[in-house]
Amino acid sequence: MKRLLLLFCVLALFVIVPFLIWGNQVEEAMTLEGTVARMRAAGDWAWLVGVALLVIDLFLPILGTVVMSALGLIYGWVPGGIIGSIGSIAAGLLAYGLCRRIGRRAALKLAGEEGLREGERLFQGELGGWLVALSRWMPVLPEVVACLAGISHMPMRRFLPALCAGSIPMSFVFARIGEAGEHRPGLAILLSAGLPPLIWALFRAFYSWRAKRSDSREK
């Protein structure tokens, strides 16, 4: 477990360092009003700018919640929530795909075979889905957990529903805040923390029902 924790810390550093270098400048530049103005300057392509900002959050210290709120203010909370969900899910899939394809060799040097086996046991089990879903509303963790899921070869059939269970509520909550023009981060955190486990539980109930149905058919 220590080697897996080391891998987690290294991945977290890759996310945290850009914030330490450029975080203050980004925070000053990415106010809600400024982000809305820049996105509206793109005209009909404002939605694409929003999606792009959410995706490059993997590499640069972009404030994703501000982008989601801006989408809600520009398009309304339902379309804005849908667009924000697309961007957040795309970012998670990109992190998962890149680390699954090219990150395993570097991870092997850091965590060793045993560390990777621990990661596989973690992310291929029930707890892995919860980690992915709940990490989406926390700082730093979305990118790190998605990368670990990819490195650990978490099955896509488990990763994608968990990713959606975390990303979709988060996007709609902040789009709603943006549409209302309100600044209530406490309420947003409460809702976004409560909805992902509920949605993931529904996904798991659906999967269990399908598994039982398949077993009954085989018998």
C-alpha atoms as a PDB file:
ATOM      1  CA  MET A   1       0.000   0.000   0.000  1.00  0.00           C
ATOM      2  CA  LYS A   2       2.945   2.344   0.660  1.00  0.00           C
ATOM      3  CA  ARG A   3       4.090   2.051  -2.967  1.00  0.00           C
ATOM      4  CA  LEU A   4       0.572   2.780  -4.216  1.00  0.00           C
ATOM      5  CA  LEU A   5       0.422   5.814  -1.911  1.00  0.00           C
ATOM      6  CA  LEU A   6       3.726   7.003  -3.376  1.00  0.00           C
ATOM      7  CA  LEU A   7       2.249   6.779  -6.881  1.00  0.00           C
ATOM      8  CA  PHE A   8      -0.781   8.753  -5.693  1.00  0.00           C
ATOM      9  CA  CYS A   9       1.439  11.474  -4.230  1.00  0.00           C
ATOM     10  CA  VAL A  10       3.496  11.767  -7.412  1.00  0.00           C
ATOM     11  CA  LEU A  11       0.363  12.123  -9.537  1.00  0.00           C
ATOM     12  CA  ALA A  12      -1.029  14.666  -7.083  1.00  0.00           C
ATOM     13  CA  LEU A  13       2.163  16.708  -7.416  1.00  0.00           C
ATOM     14  CA  PHE A  14       1.697  16.937 -11.170  1.00  0.00           C
ATOM     15  CA  VAL A  15      -1.706  18.500 -10.505  1.00  0.00           C
ATOM     16  CA  ILE A  16      -0.720  20.698  -7.565  1.00  0.00           C
ATOM     17  CA  VAL A  17       2.510  22.197  -8.942  1.00  0.00           C
ATOM     18  CA  PRO A  18       0.799  24.220 -11.725  1.00  0.00           C
ATOM     19  CA  PHE A  19      -1.556  25.650  -9.087  1.00  0.00           C
ATOM     20  CA  LEU A  20       1.404  26.621  -6.926  1.00  0.00           C
ATOM     21  CA  ILE A  21       3.065  28.345  -9.882  1.00  0.00           C
ATOM     22  CA  TRP A  22       0.102  29.995 -11.628  1.00  0.00           C
ATOM     23  CA  GLY A  23      -2.792  29.503  -9.203  1.00  0.00           C
ATOM     24  CA  ASN A  24      -3.027  33.113  -7.986  1.00  0.00           C
ATOM     25  CA  GLN A  25      -2.940  34.542 -11.511  1.00  0.00           C
ATOM     26  CA  VAL A  26      -5.549  32.066 -12.716  1.00  0.00           C
ATOM     27  CA  GLU A  27      -7.807  32.747  -9.751  1.00  0.00           C
ATOM     28  CA  GLU A  28      -7.625  36.483 -10.402  1.00  0.00           C
ATOM     29  CA  ALA A  29      -8.236  36.058 -14.127  1.00  0.00           C
ATOM     30  CA  MET A  30     -10.986  33.438 -13.943  1.00  0.00           C
ATOM     31  CA  THR A  31     -13.731  35.298 -12.149  1.00  0.00           C
ATOM     32  CA  LEU A  32     -17.232  34.299 -13.173  1.00  0.00           C
ATOM     33  CA  GLU A  33     -17.827  37.607 -14.935  1.00  0.00           C
ATOM     34  CA  GLY A  34     -14.504  37.464 -16.780  1.00  0.00           C
ATOM     35  CA  THR A  35     -15.009  33.857 -17.846  1.00  0.00           C
ATOM     36  CA  VAL A  36     -18.507  34.608 -19.134  1.00  0.00           C
ATOM     37  CA  ALA A  37     -17.195  37.601 -21.102  1.00  0.00           C
ATOM     38  CA  ARG A  38     -14.421  35.555 -22.713  1.00  0.00           C
ATOM     39  CA  MET A  39     -16.742  32.715 -23.603  1.00  0.00           C
ATOM     40  CA  ARG A  40     -19.365  35.048 -25.050  1.00  0.00           C
ATOM     41  CA  ALA A  41     -16.660  36.613 -27.198  1.00  0.00           C
ATOM     42  CA  ALA A  42     -16.519  33.260 -29.010  1.00  0.00           C
ATOM     43  CA  GLY A  43     -20.124  33.739 -30.150  1.00  0.00           C
ATOM     44  CA  ASP A  44     -21.854  30.507 -31.158  1.00  0.00           C
ATOM     45  CA  TRP A  45     -18.757  28.563 -30.134  1.00  0.00           C
ATOM     46  CA  ALA A  46     -18.897  29.562 -26.478  1.00  0.00           C
ATOM     47  CA  TRP A  47     -19.981  26.028 -25.536  1.00  0.00           C
ATOM     48  CA  LEU A  48     -16.903  24.585 -27.238  1.00  0.00           C
ATOM     49  CA  VAL A  49     -14.645  26.990 -25.358  1.00  0.00           C
ATOM     50  CA  GLY A  50     -16.252  25.786 -22.121  1.00  0.00           C
ATOM     51  CA  VAL A  51     -15.694  22.126 -22.999  1.00  0.00           C
ATOM     52  CA  ALA A  52     -12.085  22.849 -24.012  1.00  0.00           C
ATOM     53  CA  LEU A  53     -11.385  24.658 -20.737  1.00  0.00           C
ATOM     54  CA  LEU A  54     -12.722  21.720 -18.738  1.00  0.00           C
ATOM     55  CA  VAL A  55     -10.588  19.274 -20.705  1.00  0.00           C
ATOM     56  CA  ILE A  56      -7.332  21.238 -20.439  1.00  0.00           C
ATOM     57  CA  ASP A  57      -7.916  21.427 -16.699  1.00  0.00           C
ATOM     58  CA  LEU A  58      -5.920  18.186 -16.814  1.00  0.00           C
ATOM     59  CA  PHE A  59      -2.801  20.138 -17.719  1.00  0.00           C
ATOM     60  CA  LEU A  60      -3.398  23.715 -16.536  1.00  0.00           C
ATOM     61  CA  PRO A  61      -4.869  25.163 -13.318  1.00  0.00           C
ATOM     62  CA  ILE A  62      -8.308  25.945 -14.763  1.00  0.00           C
ATOM     63  CA  LEU A  63     -11.119  26.543 -12.270  1.00  0.00           C
ATOM     64  CA  GLY A  64     -13.618  24.008 -13.563  1.00  0.00           C
ATOM     65  CA  THR A  65     -16.440  25.064 -11.260  1.00  0.00           C
ATOM     66  CA  VAL A  66     -16.217  28.631 -12.596  1.00  0.00           C
ATOM     67  CA  VAL A  67     -16.444  27.322 -16.167  1.00  0.00           C
ATOM     68  CA  MET A  68     -19.507  25.234 -15.271  1.00  0.00           C
ATOM     69  CA  SER A  69     -21.144  28.241 -13.622  1.00  0.00           C
ATOM     70  CA  ALA A  70     -20.378  30.368 -16.685  1.00  0.00           C
ATOM     71  CA  LEU A  71     -22.019  27.766 -18.931  1.00  0.00           C
ATOM     72  CA  GLY A  72     -25.117  27.874 -16.735  1.00  0.00           C
ATOM     73  CA  LEU A  73     -25.238  31.659 -16.876  1.00  0.00           C
ATOM     74  CA  ILE A  74     -24.840  31.744 -20.663  1.00  0.00           C
ATOM     75  CA  TYR A  75     -27.069  28.824 -21.670  1.00  0.00           C
ATOM     76  CA  GLY A  76     -29.306  28.181 -18.670  1.00  0.00           C
ATOM     77  CA  TRP A  77     -28.794  25.444 -16.125  1.00  0.00           C
ATOM     78  CA  VAL A  78     -30.094  22.511 -18.187  1.00  0.00           C
ATOM     79  CA  PRO A  79     -28.121  23.115 -21.423  1.00  0.00           C
ATOM     80  CA  GLY A  80     -25.213  24.455 -19.373  1.00  0.00           C
ATOM     81  CA  GLY A  81     -25.280  21.369 -17.166  1.00  0.00           C
ATOM     82  CA  ILE A  82     -25.276  19.102 -20.210  1.00  0.00           C
ATOM     83  CA  ILE A  83     -22.326  20.939 -21.784  1.00  0.00           C
ATOM     84  CA  GLY A  84     -20.430  20.969 -18.500  1.00  0.00           C
ATOM     85  CA  SER A  85     -21.068  17.252 -18.073  1.00  0.00           C
ATOM     86  CA  ILE A  86     -19.664  16.573 -21.542  1.00  0.00           C
ATOM     87  CA  GLY A  87     -16.508  18.542 -20.733  1.00  0.00           C
ATOM     88  CA  SER A  88     -15.994  16.925 -17.331  1.00  0.00           C
ATOM     89  CA  ILE A  89     -16.604  13.407 -18.642  1.00  0.00           C
ATOM     90  CA  ALA A  90     -14.285  14.043 -21.600  1.00  0.00           C
ATOM     91  CA  ALA A  91     -11.545  15.196 -19.196  1.00  0.00           C
ATOM     92  CA  GLY A  92     -11.963  12.073 -17.084  1.00  0.00           C
ATOM     93  CA  LEU A  93     -11.883   9.794 -20.122  1.00  0.00           C
ATOM     94  CA  LEU A  94      -8.777  11.540 -21.461  1.00  0.00           C
ATOM     95  CA  ALA A  95      -6.928  11.124 -18.143  1.00  0.00           C
ATOM     96  CA  TYR A  96      -8.023   7.490 -17.925  1.00  0.00           C
ATOM     97  CA  GLY A  97      -7.075   6.726 -21.535  1.00  0.00           C
ATOM     98  CA  LEU A  98      -3.681   8.429 -21.480  1.00  0.00           C
ATOM     99  CA  CYS A  99      -2.616   6.793 -18.232  1.00  0.00           C
ATOM    100  CA  ARG A 100      -3.946   3.395 -19.273  1.00  0.00           C
ATOM    101  CA  ARG A 101      -1.969   3.550 -22.522  1.00  0.00           C
ATOM    102  CA  ILE A 102       1.294   5.264 -21.570  1.00  0.00           C
ATOM    103  CA  GLY A 103       1.384   5.651 -17.789  1.00  0.00           C
ATOM    104  CA  ARG A 104       1.722   2.071 -16.631  1.00  0.00           C
ATOM    105  CA  ARG A 105       5.457   1.728 -17.339  1.00  0.00           C
ATOM    106  CA  ALA A 106       6.331   4.808 -15.272  1.00  0.00           C
ATOM    107  CA  ALA A 107       3.916   3.690 -12.559  1.00  0.00           C
ATOM    108  CA  LEU A 108       5.605   0.307 -12.439  1.00  0.00           C
ATOM    109  CA  LYS A 109       8.925   1.978 -11.568  1.00  0.00           C
ATOM    110  CA  LEU A 110       7.313   3.961  -8.754  1.00  0.00           C
ATOM    111  CA  ALA A 111       4.884   1.446  -7.299  1.00  0.00           C
ATOM    112  CA  GLY A 112       6.359  -1.888  -8.394  1.00  0.00           C
ATOM    113  CA  GLU A 113       4.390  -4.967  -9.321  1.00  0.00           C
ATOM    114  CA  GLU A 114       2.847  -5.310  -5.881  1.00  0.00           C
ATOM    115  CA  GLY A 115       1.752  -1.664  -5.836  1.00  0.00           C
ATOM    116  CA  LEU A 116       0.055  -2.024  -9.203  1.00  0.00           C
ATOM    117  CA  ARG A 117      -1.671  -5.201  -8.059  1.00  0.00           C
ATOM    118  CA  GLU A 118      -2.988  -3.267  -5.047  1.00  0.00           C
ATOM    119  CA  GLY A 119      -4.276  -0.599  -7.427  1.00  0.00           C
ATOM    120  CA  GLU A 120      -5.953  -3.213  -9.583  1.00  0.00           C
ATOM    121  CA  ARG A 121      -7.647  -4.786  -6.578  1.00  0.00           C
ATOM    122  CA  LEU A 122      -8.816  -1.357  -5.446  1.00  0.00           C
ATOM    123  CA  PHE A 123     -10.148  -0.055  -8.756  1.00  0.00           C
ATOM    124  CA  GLN A 124     -11.568  -3.292 -10.079  1.00  0.00           C
ATOM    125  CA  GLY A 125     -13.619  -3.756  -6.931  1.00  0.00           C
ATOM    126  CA  GLU A 126     -16.705  -2.005  -5.600  1.00  0.00           C
ATOM    127  CA  LEU A 127     -14.711   0.702  -3.815  1.00  0.00           C
ATOM    128  CA  GLY A 128     -13.098   1.847  -7.072  1.00  0.00           C
ATOM    129  CA  GLY A 129     -16.404   3.038  -8.458  1.00  0.00           C
ATOM    130  CA  TRP A 130     -17.134   5.042  -5.340  1.00  0.00           C
ATOM    131  CA  LEU A 131     -13.699   6.650  -5.459  1.00  0.00           C
ATOM    132  CA  VAL A 132     -14.169   7.752  -9.059  1.00  0.00           C
ATOM    133  CA  ALA A 133     -17.682   9.098  -8.453  1.00  0.00           C
ATOM    134  CA  LEU A 134     -16.911  10.965  -5.245  1.00  0.00           C
ATOM    135  CA  SER A 135     -13.572  12.353  -6.435  1.00  0.00           C
ATOM    136  CA  ARG A 136     -15.244  14.481  -9.119  1.00  0.00           C
ATOM    137  CA  TRP A 137     -16.438  17.093  -6.611  1.00  0.00           C
ATOM    138  CA  MET A 138     -13.110  17.377  -4.758  1.00  0.00           C
ATOM    139  CA  PRO A 139     -10.086  19.508  -5.664  1.00  0.00           C
ATOM    140  CA  VAL A 140      -7.056  17.735  -7.187  1.00  0.00           C
ATOM    141  CA  LEU A 141      -8.569  14.260  -6.820  1.00  0.00           C
ATOM    142  CA  PRO A 142     -10.569  14.065 -10.103  1.00  0.00           C
ATOM    143  CA  GLU A 143      -7.458  14.007 -12.259  1.00  0.00           C
ATOM    144  CA  VAL A 144      -5.429  11.828  -9.886  1.00  0.00           C
ATOM    145  CA  VAL A 145      -8.140   9.209  -9.395  1.00  0.00           C
ATOM    146  CA  ALA A 146      -8.928   9.033 -13.123  1.00  0.00           C
ATOM    147  CA  CYS A 147      -5.206   8.495 -13.842  1.00  0.00           C
ATOM    148  CA  LEU A 148      -4.948   5.791 -11.180  1.00  0.00           C
ATOM    149  CA  ALA A 149      -8.032   4.097 -12.609  1.00  0.00           C
ATOM    150  CA  GLY A 150      -6.406   4.040 -16.038  1.00  0.00           C
ATOM    151  CA  ILE A 151      -3.059   2.789 -14.750  1.00  0.00           C
ATOM    152  CA  SER A 152      -4.860   0.065 -12.777  1.00  0.00           C
ATOM    153  CA  HIS A 153      -6.849  -0.984 -15.874  1.00  0.00           C
ATOM    154  CA  MET A 154     -10.191  -0.381 -14.187  1.00  0.00           C
ATOM    155  CA  PRO A 155     -12.819  -1.842 -16.544  1.00  0.00           C
ATOM    156  CA  MET A 156     -14.438   0.815 -18.704  1.00  0.00           C
ATOM    157  CA  ARG A 157     -17.877  -0.637 -17.947  1.00  0.00           C
ATOM    158  CA  ARG A 158     -17.256   0.304 -14.307  1.00  0.00           C
ATOM    159  CA  PHE A 159     -15.245   3.497 -14.800  1.00  0.00           C
ATOM    160  CA  LEU A 160     -17.609   5.307 -17.177  1.00  0.00           C
ATOM    161  CA  PRO A 161     -20.790   4.980 -15.062  1.00  0.00           C
ATOM    162  CA  ALA A 162     -18.863   6.077 -11.966  1.00  0.00           C
ATOM    163  CA  LEU A 163     -17.388   9.018 -13.879  1.00  0.00           C
ATOM    164  CA  CYS A 164     -20.859  10.060 -15.031  1.00  0.00           C
ATOM    165  CA  ALA A 165     -22.268   9.635 -11.522  1.00  0.00           C
ATOM    166  CA  GLY A 166     -19.803  12.211 -10.225  1.00  0.00           C
ATOM    167  CA  SER A 167     -19.500  14.576 -13.188  1.00  0.00           C
ATOM    168  CA  ILE A 168     -23.160  15.072 -14.096  1.00  0.00           C
ATOM    169  CA  PRO A 169     -24.459  16.245 -10.675  1.00  0.00           C
ATOM    170  CA  MET A 170     -21.450  18.512 -10.250  1.00  0.00           C
ATOM    171  CA  SER A 171     -22.006  20.141 -13.621  1.00  0.00           C
ATOM    172  CA  PHE A 172     -25.715  20.742 -13.091  1.00  0.00           C
ATOM    173  CA  VAL A 173     -25.260  22.107  -9.571  1.00  0.00           C
ATOM    174  CA  PHE A 174     -22.743  24.724 -10.668  1.00  0.00           C
ATOM    175  CA  ALA A 175     -24.662  25.502 -13.858  1.00  0.00           C
ATOM    176  CA  ARG A 176     -27.691  26.226 -11.670  1.00  0.00           C
ATOM    177  CA  ILE A 177     -25.630  28.519  -9.462  1.00  0.00           C
ATOM    178  CA  GLY A 178     -24.315  30.305 -12.529  1.00  0.00           C
ATOM    179  CA  GLU A 179     -27.798  30.765 -13.980  1.00  0.00           C
ATOM    180  CA  ALA A 180     -29.110  32.197 -10.729  1.00  0.00           C
ATOM    181  CA  GLY A 181     -26.092  34.473 -10.430  1.00  0.00           C
ATOM    182  CA  GLU A 182     -25.625  33.291  -6.870  1.00  0.00           C
ATOM    183  CA  HIS A 183     -22.380  32.544  -5.063  1.00  0.00           C
ATOM    184  CA  ARG A 184     -23.231  29.760  -2.622  1.00  0.00           C
ATOM    185  CA  PRO A 185     -20.284  27.332  -2.654  1.00  0.00           C
ATOM    186  CA  GLY A 186     -21.412  25.690   0.589  1.00  0.00           C
ATOM    187  CA  LEU A 187     -24.713  24.609  -0.937  1.00  0.00           C
ATOM    188  CA  ALA A 188     -22.974  23.486  -4.107  1.00  0.00           C
ATOM    189  CA  ILE A 189     -20.515  21.316  -2.191  1.00  0.00           C
ATOM    190  CA  LEU A 190     -23.328  19.805  -0.110  1.00  0.00           C
ATOM    191  CA  LEU A 191     -25.397  18.892  -3.157  1.00  0.00           C
ATOM    192  CA  SER A 192     -22.519  17.705  -5.283  1.00  0.00           C
ATOM    193  CA  ALA A 193     -21.217  15.566  -2.412  1.00  0.00           C
ATOM    194  CA  GLY A 194     -24.609  13.980  -1.793  1.00  0.00           C
ATOM    195  CA  LEU A 195     -25.755  13.297  -5.327  1.00  0.00           C
ATOM    196  CA  PRO A 196     -22.807  11.244  -6.664  1.00  0.00           C
ATOM    197  CA  PRO A 197     -23.156   8.408  -4.116  1.00  0.00           C
ATOM    198  CA  LEU A 198     -26.910   8.350  -4.706  1.00  0.00           C
ATOM    199  CA  ILE A 199     -26.522   8.105  -8.462  1.00  0.00           C
ATOM    200  CA  TRP A 200     -23.722   5.552  -8.168  1.00  0.00           C
ATOM    201  CA  ALA A 201     -25.917   3.455  -5.847  1.00  0.00           C
ATOM    202  CA  LEU A 202     -28.609   3.517  -8.538  1.00  0.00           C
ATOM    203  CA  PHE A 203     -26.064   2.394 -11.127  1.00  0.00           C
ATOM    204  CA  ARG A 204     -24.937  -0.455  -8.878  1.00  0.00           C
ATOM    205  CA  ALA A 205     -28.539  -1.509  -8.221  1.00  0.00           C
ATOM    206  CA  PHE A 206     -29.122  -1.591 -11.968  1.00  0.00           C
ATOM    207  CA  TYR A 207     -25.996  -3.677 -12.545  1.00  0.00           C
ATOM    208  CA  SER A 208     -26.971  -6.098  -9.780  1.00  0.00           C
ATOM    209  CA  TRP A 209     -30.413  -6.470 -11.303  1.00  0.00           C
ATOM    210  CA  ARG A 210     -28.884  -7.173 -14.711  1.00  0.00           C
ATOM    211  CA  ALA A 211     -26.452  -9.702 -13.237  1.00  0.00           C
ATOM    212  CA  LYS A 212     -29.236 -11.563 -11.429  1.00  0.00           C
ATOM    213  CA  ARG A 213     -31.335 -11.514 -14.557  1.00  0.00           C
ATOM    214  CA  SER A 214     -28.453 -12.932 -16.606  1.00  0.00           C
ATOM    215  CA  ASP A 215     -27.852 -15.660 -14.005  1.00  0.00           C
ATOM    216  CA  SER A 216     -31.517 -16.625 -13.996  1.00  0.00           C
ATOM    217  CA  ARG A 217     -31.523 -16.889 -17.785  1.00  0.00           C
ATOM    218  CA  GLU A 218     -28.423 -19.110 -17.763  1.00  0.00           C
ATOM    219  CA  LYS A 219     -30.099 -21.443 -15.296  1.00  0.00           C
END
